[in-house]
Amino acid sequence: MTENDPKQVIIEYISEPLGQIEPEPPLPPGVEHKGYRGITRKGGGLGAKVQTIRFLQERTLPDLQLHALTFENEDGQQEYYIWCVRQDMPGHWRSAGGANFHPAENISRGHPWVNLAGGWSRNFLWAGGRVLDDGLDVVRVRLISENGIVLEDTVQDGLALFISDRWVERPLQVELYDRSEKLLGTHQALKTPEHQV
C-alpha cells in the first residue's frame, strides 16, 4: 500500500499534474506589498515525470522524514525540492509539505549563508536548503531556536537538512562552521512576521 511507503507517498503527490493557478486577491486600499506575492494553485501536484524522480538525501525520525529530491517537470525543466512526510496514528505516511531549492553552485552572497525553506507546526519542524559558503568550506550547520532547541547537520553535496518532532520556536539562529570548528558566519532564518525587518 502506498501509505506504508514514505517515498511512494512523495512520488504520487509530486507526479500529479499541476493544479490551476488562482488569481491573487487584490490588496486592500492603501496596503502596499513588497516583494513577490507567490503563486497559488488550486490542488494538483508538481507535474513531476515519474521516471525522472531521484532521491538525493534524507533525514529521518521514527514518524517524520525529510527528503531532498530532483525531477523533471511537465515542461522539461529540472526541479529540486525538499519534501517532508509524517506518519499518522494508524501508521500511514502523509505529505507534510515541500519547498524548492536552487541547485546552482555558483551563487554567492559575499559571506556564508544557508538559504533555508521549511514548514512547521506546534509539534514538528522541517527545513533545508543550499549552503552558500563562498569557498570557505562550510561543513556543519547549526540551528538554534528561540526556545533553545539545537539542530545540526553535516553539509552533504551543498545541502543541509533538518527535522524535529518538538516545538521549535522561530526565528532560528543559523551558525556555519568549517572543519576546524571555526564559526564562519551567522544569520537568522525562518523569521516570524514580527522579526522581519
N, C-alpha and C. Protein backbone atom coordinates (compact mmCIF):
# COMPACT_ATOMS: atom_id res chain seq x y z
N MET A 1 0.83 -1.19 0.00
CA MET A 1 0.00 0.00 0.00
C MET A 1 0.87 1.24 0.00
N THR A 2 0.47 2.22 -0.78
CA THR A 2 1.22 3.45 -0.92
C THR A 2 1.48 4.14 0.41
N GLU A 3 0.46 4.22 1.28
CA GLU A 3 0.61 4.98 2.51
C GLU A 3 1.59 4.35 3.49
N ASN A 4 2.08 3.14 3.19
CA ASN A 4 3.07 2.48 4.04
C ASN A 4 4.48 2.73 3.56
N ASP A 5 4.66 3.40 2.44
CA ASP A 5 5.97 3.68 1.86
C ASP A 5 6.13 5.19 1.72
N PRO A 6 6.96 5.82 2.59
CA PRO A 6 7.06 7.28 2.55
C PRO A 6 7.52 7.84 1.21
N LYS A 7 8.47 7.18 0.55
CA LYS A 7 8.93 7.68 -0.74
C LYS A 7 7.83 7.59 -1.80
N GLN A 8 7.05 6.54 -1.75
CA GLN A 8 5.97 6.39 -2.72
C GLN A 8 4.90 7.46 -2.51
N VAL A 9 4.65 7.84 -1.24
CA VAL A 9 3.71 8.93 -0.95
C VAL A 9 4.18 10.21 -1.64
N ILE A 10 5.48 10.49 -1.54
CA ILE A 10 6.04 11.69 -2.19
C ILE A 10 5.90 11.58 -3.70
N ILE A 11 6.29 10.43 -4.26
CA ILE A 11 6.23 10.24 -5.72
C ILE A 11 4.81 10.48 -6.22
N GLU A 12 3.83 9.88 -5.57
CA GLU A 12 2.45 10.04 -6.03
C GLU A 12 1.98 11.49 -5.93
N TYR A 13 2.39 12.18 -4.87
CA TYR A 13 1.96 13.57 -4.71
C TYR A 13 2.59 14.46 -5.78
N ILE A 14 3.91 14.40 -5.92
CA ILE A 14 4.59 15.34 -6.84
C ILE A 14 4.35 15.01 -8.30
N SER A 15 3.96 13.78 -8.61
CA SER A 15 3.73 13.42 -10.01
C SER A 15 2.31 13.77 -10.49
N GLU A 16 1.46 14.22 -9.59
CA GLU A 16 0.15 14.71 -10.02
C GLU A 16 0.35 15.95 -10.89
N PRO A 17 -0.50 16.15 -11.91
CA PRO A 17 -0.37 17.35 -12.74
C PRO A 17 -0.53 18.62 -11.90
N LEU A 18 0.06 19.68 -12.37
CA LEU A 18 -0.07 20.98 -11.70
C LEU A 18 -1.53 21.40 -11.64
N GLY A 19 -1.93 21.97 -10.51
CA GLY A 19 -3.28 22.50 -10.38
C GLY A 19 -3.42 23.83 -11.09
N GLN A 20 -4.63 24.30 -11.19
CA GLN A 20 -4.91 25.58 -11.83
C GLN A 20 -4.42 26.73 -10.95
N ILE A 21 -3.85 27.75 -11.59
CA ILE A 21 -3.40 28.94 -10.86
C ILE A 21 -4.61 29.77 -10.49
N GLU A 22 -4.67 30.13 -9.20
CA GLU A 22 -5.75 31.00 -8.74
C GLU A 22 -5.27 32.44 -8.80
N PRO A 23 -6.13 33.35 -9.22
CA PRO A 23 -5.71 34.76 -9.25
C PRO A 23 -5.45 35.27 -7.84
N GLU A 24 -4.45 36.13 -7.72
CA GLU A 24 -4.14 36.74 -6.43
C GLU A 24 -5.25 37.72 -6.07
N PRO A 25 -5.76 37.66 -4.85
CA PRO A 25 -6.78 38.64 -4.47
C PRO A 25 -6.16 40.04 -4.41
N PRO A 26 -6.91 41.05 -4.76
CA PRO A 26 -6.35 42.41 -4.70
C PRO A 26 -6.03 42.81 -3.27
N LEU A 27 -5.02 43.63 -3.13
CA LEU A 27 -4.67 44.15 -1.81
C LEU A 27 -5.68 45.20 -1.39
N PRO A 28 -5.94 45.30 -0.11
CA PRO A 28 -6.85 46.35 0.37
C PRO A 28 -6.30 47.73 0.03
N PRO A 29 -7.18 48.71 -0.13
CA PRO A 29 -6.72 50.08 -0.44
C PRO A 29 -5.71 50.57 0.60
N GLY A 30 -4.65 51.17 0.11
CA GLY A 30 -3.64 51.73 0.99
C GLY A 30 -2.60 50.74 1.47
N VAL A 31 -2.76 49.45 1.14
CA VAL A 31 -1.79 48.44 1.57
C VAL A 31 -0.81 48.19 0.43
N GLU A 32 0.46 48.31 0.73
CA GLU A 32 1.49 48.07 -0.26
C GLU A 32 2.19 46.77 0.07
N HIS A 33 2.38 45.93 -0.94
CA HIS A 33 3.09 44.66 -0.73
C HIS A 33 4.48 44.77 -1.33
N LYS A 34 5.48 44.42 -0.53
CA LYS A 34 6.85 44.45 -1.01
C LYS A 34 7.25 43.03 -1.36
N GLY A 35 7.95 42.87 -2.47
CA GLY A 35 8.45 41.55 -2.85
C GLY A 35 7.45 40.76 -3.66
N TYR A 36 7.76 39.49 -3.81
CA TYR A 36 7.00 38.56 -4.64
C TYR A 36 5.84 38.00 -3.84
N ARG A 37 4.64 38.05 -4.40
CA ARG A 37 3.45 37.57 -3.68
C ARG A 37 3.26 36.08 -3.83
N GLY A 38 3.91 35.44 -4.78
CA GLY A 38 3.78 34.00 -4.93
C GLY A 38 2.63 33.61 -5.84
N ILE A 39 2.57 32.32 -6.12
CA ILE A 39 1.53 31.77 -6.97
C ILE A 39 0.71 30.81 -6.13
N THR A 40 -0.59 30.90 -6.22
CA THR A 40 -1.47 29.99 -5.50
C THR A 40 -2.11 29.06 -6.52
N ARG A 41 -1.98 27.76 -6.28
CA ARG A 41 -2.60 26.77 -7.16
C ARG A 41 -3.70 26.05 -6.41
N LYS A 42 -4.75 25.76 -7.11
CA LYS A 42 -5.85 25.01 -6.52
C LYS A 42 -5.61 23.53 -6.80
N GLY A 43 -5.21 22.80 -5.74
CA GLY A 43 -4.98 21.37 -5.87
C GLY A 43 -3.81 21.04 -6.77
N GLY A 44 -3.71 19.76 -7.10
CA GLY A 44 -2.66 19.31 -8.00
C GLY A 44 -1.35 19.06 -7.31
N GLY A 45 -0.42 18.50 -8.05
CA GLY A 45 0.91 18.20 -7.55
C GLY A 45 1.93 19.13 -8.17
N LEU A 46 3.08 18.58 -8.54
CA LEU A 46 4.14 19.38 -9.12
C LEU A 46 4.41 19.04 -10.58
N GLY A 47 3.66 18.09 -11.12
CA GLY A 47 3.86 17.73 -12.52
C GLY A 47 5.17 17.03 -12.78
N ALA A 48 5.68 16.27 -11.81
CA ALA A 48 6.95 15.56 -11.97
C ALA A 48 6.77 14.36 -12.90
N LYS A 49 7.72 14.17 -13.81
CA LYS A 49 7.75 12.96 -14.63
C LYS A 49 8.31 11.84 -13.77
N VAL A 50 7.49 10.82 -13.49
CA VAL A 50 7.85 9.77 -12.53
C VAL A 50 9.20 9.15 -12.83
N GLN A 51 9.49 8.85 -14.09
CA GLN A 51 10.74 8.17 -14.44
C GLN A 51 11.98 9.02 -14.18
N THR A 52 11.80 10.34 -13.91
CA THR A 52 12.96 11.21 -13.67
C THR A 52 13.16 11.52 -12.19
N ILE A 53 12.27 11.06 -11.32
CA ILE A 53 12.38 11.38 -9.89
C ILE A 53 13.58 10.64 -9.29
N ARG A 54 14.44 11.41 -8.61
CA ARG A 54 15.63 10.84 -7.99
C ARG A 54 15.75 11.41 -6.57
N PHE A 55 15.83 10.52 -5.59
CA PHE A 55 16.00 10.93 -4.20
C PHE A 55 17.49 11.12 -3.93
N LEU A 56 17.85 12.27 -3.35
CA LEU A 56 19.25 12.64 -3.15
C LEU A 56 19.74 12.41 -1.72
N GLN A 57 18.96 12.84 -0.74
CA GLN A 57 19.33 12.74 0.68
C GLN A 57 18.07 12.60 1.50
N GLU A 58 18.25 12.14 2.75
CA GLU A 58 17.11 12.09 3.66
C GLU A 58 17.58 12.22 5.10
N ARG A 59 16.66 12.70 5.93
CA ARG A 59 16.83 12.74 7.38
C ARG A 59 15.57 12.10 7.94
N THR A 60 15.73 11.25 8.95
CA THR A 60 14.56 10.53 9.45
C THR A 60 14.50 10.53 10.97
N LEU A 61 13.28 10.56 11.45
CA LEU A 61 12.91 10.28 12.83
C LEU A 61 11.86 9.17 12.75
N PRO A 62 11.48 8.56 13.85
CA PRO A 62 10.54 7.44 13.75
C PRO A 62 9.26 7.73 12.98
N ASP A 63 8.68 8.93 13.12
CA ASP A 63 7.43 9.22 12.41
C ASP A 63 7.51 10.47 11.54
N LEU A 64 8.72 10.85 11.14
CA LEU A 64 8.93 12.06 10.36
C LEU A 64 10.13 11.85 9.45
N GLN A 65 9.98 12.17 8.17
CA GLN A 65 11.09 12.05 7.22
C GLN A 65 11.16 13.29 6.34
N LEU A 66 12.40 13.68 6.02
CA LEU A 66 12.64 14.79 5.11
C LEU A 66 13.55 14.29 4.00
N HIS A 67 13.14 14.53 2.76
CA HIS A 67 13.88 14.04 1.59
C HIS A 67 14.24 15.20 0.68
N ALA A 68 15.46 15.18 0.16
CA ALA A 68 15.86 16.07 -0.93
C ALA A 68 15.75 15.26 -2.20
N LEU A 69 15.14 15.85 -3.23
CA LEU A 69 14.94 15.10 -4.46
C LEU A 69 14.99 16.03 -5.66
N THR A 70 15.12 15.43 -6.82
CA THR A 70 15.11 16.18 -8.06
C THR A 70 14.24 15.44 -9.06
N PHE A 71 13.70 16.18 -10.02
CA PHE A 71 12.87 15.57 -11.07
C PHE A 71 12.75 16.55 -12.23
N GLU A 72 12.31 16.02 -13.35
CA GLU A 72 12.00 16.85 -14.50
C GLU A 72 10.50 17.10 -14.49
N ASN A 73 10.11 18.37 -14.70
CA ASN A 73 8.68 18.69 -14.66
C ASN A 73 8.04 18.54 -16.05
N GLU A 74 6.75 18.83 -16.13
CA GLU A 74 5.99 18.68 -17.38
C GLU A 74 6.58 19.49 -18.53
N ASP A 75 7.26 20.60 -18.20
CA ASP A 75 7.86 21.46 -19.23
C ASP A 75 9.29 21.07 -19.57
N GLY A 76 9.79 19.97 -18.95
CA GLY A 76 11.14 19.51 -19.24
C GLY A 76 12.22 20.21 -18.43
N GLN A 77 11.83 21.01 -17.43
CA GLN A 77 12.81 21.71 -16.59
C GLN A 77 13.15 20.86 -15.37
N GLN A 78 14.42 20.91 -14.96
CA GLN A 78 14.85 20.18 -13.77
C GLN A 78 14.45 20.96 -12.53
N GLU A 79 13.80 20.30 -11.58
CA GLU A 79 13.35 20.91 -10.33
C GLU A 79 14.07 20.23 -9.17
N TYR A 80 14.28 20.98 -8.08
CA TYR A 80 14.92 20.46 -6.87
C TYR A 80 14.04 20.83 -5.68
N TYR A 81 13.69 19.84 -4.86
CA TYR A 81 12.78 20.06 -3.74
C TYR A 81 13.27 19.35 -2.50
N ILE A 82 12.86 19.88 -1.35
CA ILE A 82 12.89 19.12 -0.12
C ILE A 82 11.44 18.82 0.21
N TRP A 83 11.17 17.60 0.70
CA TRP A 83 9.79 17.20 0.94
C TRP A 83 9.70 16.42 2.24
N CYS A 84 8.71 16.78 3.04
CA CYS A 84 8.52 16.16 4.35
C CYS A 84 7.28 15.27 4.33
N VAL A 85 7.38 14.10 4.99
CA VAL A 85 6.24 13.22 5.20
C VAL A 85 6.17 12.87 6.68
N ARG A 86 4.93 12.71 7.18
CA ARG A 86 4.69 12.35 8.59
C ARG A 86 3.86 11.09 8.65
N GLN A 87 4.09 10.31 9.70
CA GLN A 87 3.29 9.11 9.91
C GLN A 87 2.21 9.42 10.93
N ASP A 88 0.95 9.14 10.56
CA ASP A 88 -0.17 9.44 11.47
C ASP A 88 -0.38 8.28 12.44
N MET A 89 -1.34 8.41 13.33
CA MET A 89 -1.58 7.41 14.37
C MET A 89 -1.86 6.01 13.83
N PRO A 90 -2.63 5.84 12.74
CA PRO A 90 -2.82 4.48 12.23
C PRO A 90 -1.55 3.92 11.55
N GLY A 91 -0.51 4.75 11.41
CA GLY A 91 0.73 4.29 10.80
C GLY A 91 0.87 4.59 9.32
N HIS A 92 0.00 5.44 8.77
CA HIS A 92 0.07 5.79 7.36
C HIS A 92 0.92 7.04 7.17
N TRP A 93 1.72 7.05 6.11
CA TRP A 93 2.54 8.21 5.78
C TRP A 93 1.73 9.19 4.96
N ARG A 94 1.87 10.48 5.28
CA ARG A 94 1.16 11.56 4.59
C ARG A 94 2.13 12.70 4.29
N SER A 95 1.87 13.38 3.19
CA SER A 95 2.69 14.54 2.85
C SER A 95 2.50 15.62 3.89
N ALA A 96 3.62 16.25 4.32
CA ALA A 96 3.56 17.35 5.29
C ALA A 96 4.10 18.64 4.69
N GLY A 97 4.36 18.64 3.38
CA GLY A 97 4.78 19.87 2.71
C GLY A 97 6.14 19.77 2.07
N GLY A 98 6.40 20.71 1.21
CA GLY A 98 7.67 20.74 0.50
C GLY A 98 8.03 22.14 0.08
N ALA A 99 9.28 22.29 -0.34
CA ALA A 99 9.77 23.59 -0.82
C ALA A 99 10.87 23.35 -1.83
N ASN A 100 10.95 24.21 -2.82
CA ASN A 100 12.01 24.03 -3.81
C ASN A 100 13.27 24.76 -3.36
N PHE A 101 14.41 24.30 -3.89
CA PHE A 101 15.68 24.96 -3.62
C PHE A 101 16.45 25.04 -4.93
N HIS A 102 17.37 25.96 -5.00
CA HIS A 102 18.15 26.18 -6.22
C HIS A 102 19.44 25.38 -6.11
N PRO A 103 19.78 24.59 -7.13
CA PRO A 103 20.95 23.73 -7.05
C PRO A 103 22.26 24.41 -7.42
N ALA A 104 22.20 25.61 -7.99
CA ALA A 104 23.40 26.23 -8.56
C ALA A 104 24.51 26.38 -7.53
N GLU A 105 25.68 25.96 -7.90
CA GLU A 105 26.86 26.05 -7.03
C GLU A 105 27.50 27.43 -7.10
N ASN A 106 27.19 28.22 -8.11
CA ASN A 106 27.91 29.48 -8.33
C ASN A 106 27.18 30.70 -7.78
N ILE A 107 26.21 30.49 -6.89
CA ILE A 107 25.52 31.61 -6.25
C ILE A 107 26.38 32.09 -5.09
N SER A 108 26.46 33.39 -4.90
CA SER A 108 27.27 33.94 -3.81
C SER A 108 26.51 35.06 -3.12
N ARG A 109 26.71 35.18 -1.81
CA ARG A 109 26.13 36.28 -1.04
C ARG A 109 27.21 37.19 -0.47
N GLY A 110 28.47 36.82 -0.64
CA GLY A 110 29.56 37.61 -0.07
C GLY A 110 29.96 37.15 1.32
N HIS A 111 29.21 36.22 1.89
CA HIS A 111 29.50 35.64 3.21
C HIS A 111 28.72 34.33 3.31
N PRO A 112 29.16 33.42 4.19
CA PRO A 112 28.46 32.13 4.31
C PRO A 112 26.99 32.31 4.70
N TRP A 113 26.15 31.46 4.12
CA TRP A 113 24.70 31.60 4.28
C TRP A 113 24.04 30.26 3.96
N VAL A 114 22.93 29.97 4.61
CA VAL A 114 22.10 28.83 4.23
C VAL A 114 20.75 29.37 3.79
N ASN A 115 20.39 29.08 2.58
CA ASN A 115 19.13 29.55 2.02
C ASN A 115 18.03 28.57 2.43
N LEU A 116 17.50 28.72 3.65
CA LEU A 116 16.56 27.77 4.23
C LEU A 116 15.12 28.03 3.83
N ALA A 117 14.42 26.93 3.59
CA ALA A 117 12.96 26.92 3.44
C ALA A 117 12.46 25.84 4.36
N GLY A 118 11.22 25.94 4.81
CA GLY A 118 10.74 24.91 5.71
C GLY A 118 9.27 25.03 6.03
N GLY A 119 8.84 24.14 6.91
CA GLY A 119 7.48 24.12 7.38
C GLY A 119 7.47 23.74 8.85
N TRP A 120 6.41 24.12 9.55
CA TRP A 120 6.39 23.88 10.99
C TRP A 120 4.96 23.87 11.49
N SER A 121 4.80 23.27 12.65
CA SER A 121 3.54 23.32 13.39
C SER A 121 3.92 23.26 14.86
N ARG A 122 2.95 23.05 15.73
CA ARG A 122 3.24 23.00 17.18
C ARG A 122 4.08 21.81 17.57
N ASN A 123 4.13 20.75 16.75
CA ASN A 123 4.87 19.57 17.17
C ASN A 123 5.89 19.05 16.16
N PHE A 124 6.24 19.85 15.16
CA PHE A 124 7.35 19.44 14.30
C PHE A 124 7.85 20.62 13.48
N LEU A 125 9.06 20.45 12.96
CA LEU A 125 9.68 21.42 12.06
C LEU A 125 10.49 20.65 11.04
N TRP A 126 10.44 21.08 9.81
CA TRP A 126 11.36 20.58 8.79
C TRP A 126 11.93 21.79 8.06
N ALA A 127 13.18 21.71 7.69
CA ALA A 127 13.82 22.82 6.98
C ALA A 127 15.03 22.28 6.23
N GLY A 128 15.40 22.97 5.20
CA GLY A 128 16.58 22.58 4.44
C GLY A 128 16.87 23.59 3.36
N GLY A 129 18.06 23.48 2.80
CA GLY A 129 18.41 24.37 1.71
C GLY A 129 19.87 24.31 1.35
N ARG A 130 20.19 25.09 0.34
CA ARG A 130 21.54 25.18 -0.21
C ARG A 130 22.44 25.98 0.73
N VAL A 131 23.65 25.46 0.96
CA VAL A 131 24.66 26.15 1.76
C VAL A 131 25.56 26.93 0.81
N LEU A 132 25.59 28.24 0.99
CA LEU A 132 26.44 29.11 0.19
C LEU A 132 27.66 29.46 1.05
N ASP A 133 28.80 28.85 0.73
CA ASP A 133 29.93 29.02 1.65
C ASP A 133 31.02 29.97 1.15
N ASP A 134 30.86 30.53 -0.03
CA ASP A 134 31.84 31.47 -0.59
C ASP A 134 33.26 30.93 -0.54
N GLY A 135 33.41 29.62 -0.78
CA GLY A 135 34.72 29.00 -0.82
C GLY A 135 35.37 28.79 0.53
N LEU A 136 34.64 28.98 1.63
CA LEU A 136 35.20 28.86 2.97
C LEU A 136 35.05 27.46 3.56
N ASP A 137 34.51 26.51 2.78
CA ASP A 137 34.41 25.11 3.19
C ASP A 137 33.57 24.92 4.45
N VAL A 138 32.32 25.39 4.40
CA VAL A 138 31.38 25.13 5.49
C VAL A 138 31.06 23.64 5.48
N VAL A 139 31.24 22.98 6.63
CA VAL A 139 30.97 21.53 6.70
C VAL A 139 29.86 21.19 7.68
N ARG A 140 29.50 22.14 8.54
CA ARG A 140 28.46 21.87 9.53
C ARG A 140 27.62 23.11 9.73
N VAL A 141 26.30 22.88 9.86
CA VAL A 141 25.37 23.98 10.10
C VAL A 141 24.58 23.66 11.35
N ARG A 142 24.44 24.64 12.22
CA ARG A 142 23.68 24.50 13.46
C ARG A 142 22.54 25.52 13.44
N LEU A 143 21.35 25.05 13.84
CA LEU A 143 20.20 25.93 14.02
C LEU A 143 19.88 25.99 15.50
N ILE A 144 19.67 27.18 16.03
CA ILE A 144 19.33 27.36 17.44
C ILE A 144 18.01 28.14 17.48
N SER A 145 17.00 27.53 18.11
CA SER A 145 15.68 28.16 18.15
C SER A 145 15.57 29.12 19.32
N GLU A 146 14.52 29.94 19.28
CA GLU A 146 14.23 30.87 20.36
C GLU A 146 13.98 30.14 21.69
N ASN A 147 13.50 28.89 21.63
CA ASN A 147 13.23 28.13 22.86
C ASN A 147 14.33 27.12 23.18
N GLY A 148 15.53 27.32 22.60
CA GLY A 148 16.70 26.55 22.99
C GLY A 148 16.90 25.21 22.31
N ILE A 149 16.08 24.85 21.34
CA ILE A 149 16.28 23.61 20.59
C ILE A 149 17.45 23.81 19.64
N VAL A 150 18.39 22.86 19.62
CA VAL A 150 19.55 22.92 18.74
C VAL A 150 19.47 21.77 17.75
N LEU A 151 19.54 22.09 16.47
CA LEU A 151 19.56 21.10 15.39
C LEU A 151 20.85 21.29 14.61
N GLU A 152 21.49 20.18 14.21
CA GLU A 152 22.73 20.27 13.45
C GLU A 152 22.68 19.32 12.27
N ASP A 153 23.41 19.68 11.22
CA ASP A 153 23.58 18.78 10.09
C ASP A 153 24.95 19.00 9.48
N THR A 154 25.50 17.92 8.95
CA THR A 154 26.74 17.98 8.19
C THR A 154 26.36 18.26 6.74
N VAL A 155 27.03 19.22 6.14
CA VAL A 155 26.74 19.60 4.77
C VAL A 155 27.12 18.45 3.84
N GLN A 156 26.18 18.05 2.99
CA GLN A 156 26.42 16.98 2.03
C GLN A 156 25.97 17.47 0.67
N ASP A 157 26.86 17.47 -0.29
CA ASP A 157 26.57 17.93 -1.65
C ASP A 157 25.95 19.33 -1.64
N GLY A 158 26.44 20.17 -0.73
CA GLY A 158 25.99 21.56 -0.68
C GLY A 158 24.65 21.78 -0.02
N LEU A 159 24.07 20.75 0.62
CA LEU A 159 22.77 20.87 1.26
C LEU A 159 22.86 20.61 2.75
N ALA A 160 21.96 21.23 3.50
CA ALA A 160 21.76 20.93 4.91
C ALA A 160 20.27 20.69 5.11
N LEU A 161 19.92 19.62 5.84
CA LEU A 161 18.53 19.25 6.08
C LEU A 161 18.31 19.07 7.58
N PHE A 162 17.13 19.51 8.07
CA PHE A 162 16.83 19.47 9.50
C PHE A 162 15.40 19.03 9.72
N ILE A 163 15.19 18.16 10.71
CA ILE A 163 13.84 17.81 11.15
C ILE A 163 13.83 17.71 12.67
N SER A 164 12.68 18.04 13.24
CA SER A 164 12.49 17.93 14.68
C SER A 164 11.04 17.56 14.95
N ASP A 165 10.84 16.70 15.93
CA ASP A 165 9.48 16.34 16.33
C ASP A 165 9.07 17.06 17.61
N ARG A 166 9.70 18.22 17.85
CA ARG A 166 9.36 19.06 19.01
C ARG A 166 8.98 20.45 18.52
N TRP A 167 8.38 21.22 19.42
CA TRP A 167 8.07 22.62 19.12
C TRP A 167 9.37 23.38 18.99
N VAL A 168 9.57 24.02 17.86
CA VAL A 168 10.78 24.80 17.58
C VAL A 168 10.32 26.23 17.32
N GLU A 169 10.64 27.10 18.27
CA GLU A 169 10.20 28.50 18.16
C GLU A 169 11.10 29.26 17.21
N ARG A 170 10.49 30.03 16.32
CA ARG A 170 11.22 30.84 15.36
C ARG A 170 11.34 32.28 15.84
N PRO A 171 12.30 33.03 15.31
CA PRO A 171 13.23 32.70 14.23
C PRO A 171 14.35 31.77 14.72
N LEU A 172 15.10 31.24 13.76
CA LEU A 172 16.22 30.37 14.06
C LEU A 172 17.52 31.12 13.84
N GLN A 173 18.44 30.96 14.77
CA GLN A 173 19.80 31.48 14.59
C GLN A 173 20.58 30.41 13.84
N VAL A 174 21.18 30.77 12.71
CA VAL A 174 21.94 29.84 11.89
C VAL A 174 23.43 30.10 12.14
N GLU A 175 24.18 29.02 12.42
CA GLU A 175 25.63 29.12 12.59
C GLU A 175 26.30 28.17 11.60
N LEU A 176 27.33 28.66 10.93
CA LEU A 176 28.04 27.87 9.92
C LEU A 176 29.49 27.68 10.36
N TYR A 177 29.96 26.42 10.33
CA TYR A 177 31.29 26.07 10.83
C TYR A 177 32.12 25.38 9.76
N ASP A 178 33.45 25.56 9.85
CA ASP A 178 34.36 24.84 8.96
C ASP A 178 34.88 23.58 9.66
N ARG A 179 35.82 22.87 9.02
CA ARG A 179 36.34 21.60 9.55
C ARG A 179 37.05 21.75 10.89
N SER A 180 37.62 22.93 11.14
CA SER A 180 38.34 23.15 12.41
C SER A 180 37.42 23.70 13.50
N GLU A 181 36.10 23.64 13.25
CA GLU A 181 35.08 24.11 14.20
C GLU A 181 35.07 25.64 14.36
N LYS A 182 35.68 26.34 13.40
CA LYS A 182 35.66 27.79 13.42
C LYS A 182 34.31 28.28 12.93
N LEU A 183 33.70 29.20 13.68
CA LEU A 183 32.44 29.81 13.28
C LEU A 183 32.71 30.79 12.14
N LEU A 184 32.11 30.51 10.98
CA LEU A 184 32.36 31.33 9.79
C LEU A 184 31.31 32.40 9.55
N GLY A 185 30.13 32.20 10.11
CA GLY A 185 29.08 33.18 9.89
C GLY A 185 27.80 32.81 10.61
N THR A 186 26.95 33.80 10.81
CA THR A 186 25.64 33.58 11.44
C THR A 186 24.61 34.44 10.72
N HIS A 187 23.37 34.04 10.81
CA HIS A 187 22.26 34.84 10.33
C HIS A 187 20.98 34.24 10.89
N GLN A 188 19.87 34.94 10.73
CA GLN A 188 18.58 34.42 11.16
C GLN A 188 17.85 33.83 9.97
N ALA A 189 17.00 32.82 10.25
CA ALA A 189 16.21 32.18 9.19
C ALA A 189 14.82 31.87 9.72
N LEU A 190 13.91 31.65 8.79
CA LEU A 190 12.52 31.32 9.11
C LEU A 190 11.94 32.29 10.13
N LYS A 191 12.10 33.55 9.81
CA LYS A 191 11.66 34.61 10.71
C LYS A 191 10.14 34.67 10.81
N THR A 192 9.66 35.05 11.97
CA THR A 192 8.25 35.31 12.15
C THR A 192 7.97 36.74 11.66
N PRO A 193 6.73 37.08 11.36
CA PRO A 193 6.44 38.42 10.82
C PRO A 193 6.99 39.55 11.69
N GLU A 194 6.95 39.40 13.01
CA GLU A 194 7.45 40.49 13.86
C GLU A 194 8.96 40.61 13.83
N HIS A 195 9.67 39.60 13.28
CA HIS A 195 11.13 39.66 13.16
C HIS A 195 11.58 40.09 11.76
N GLN A 196 10.64 40.31 10.85
CA GLN A 196 11.00 40.77 9.50
C GLN A 196 11.41 42.23 9.58
N VAL A 197 12.53 42.54 9.00
CA VAL A 197 12.98 43.94 9.01
C VAL A 197 13.26 44.41 7.61
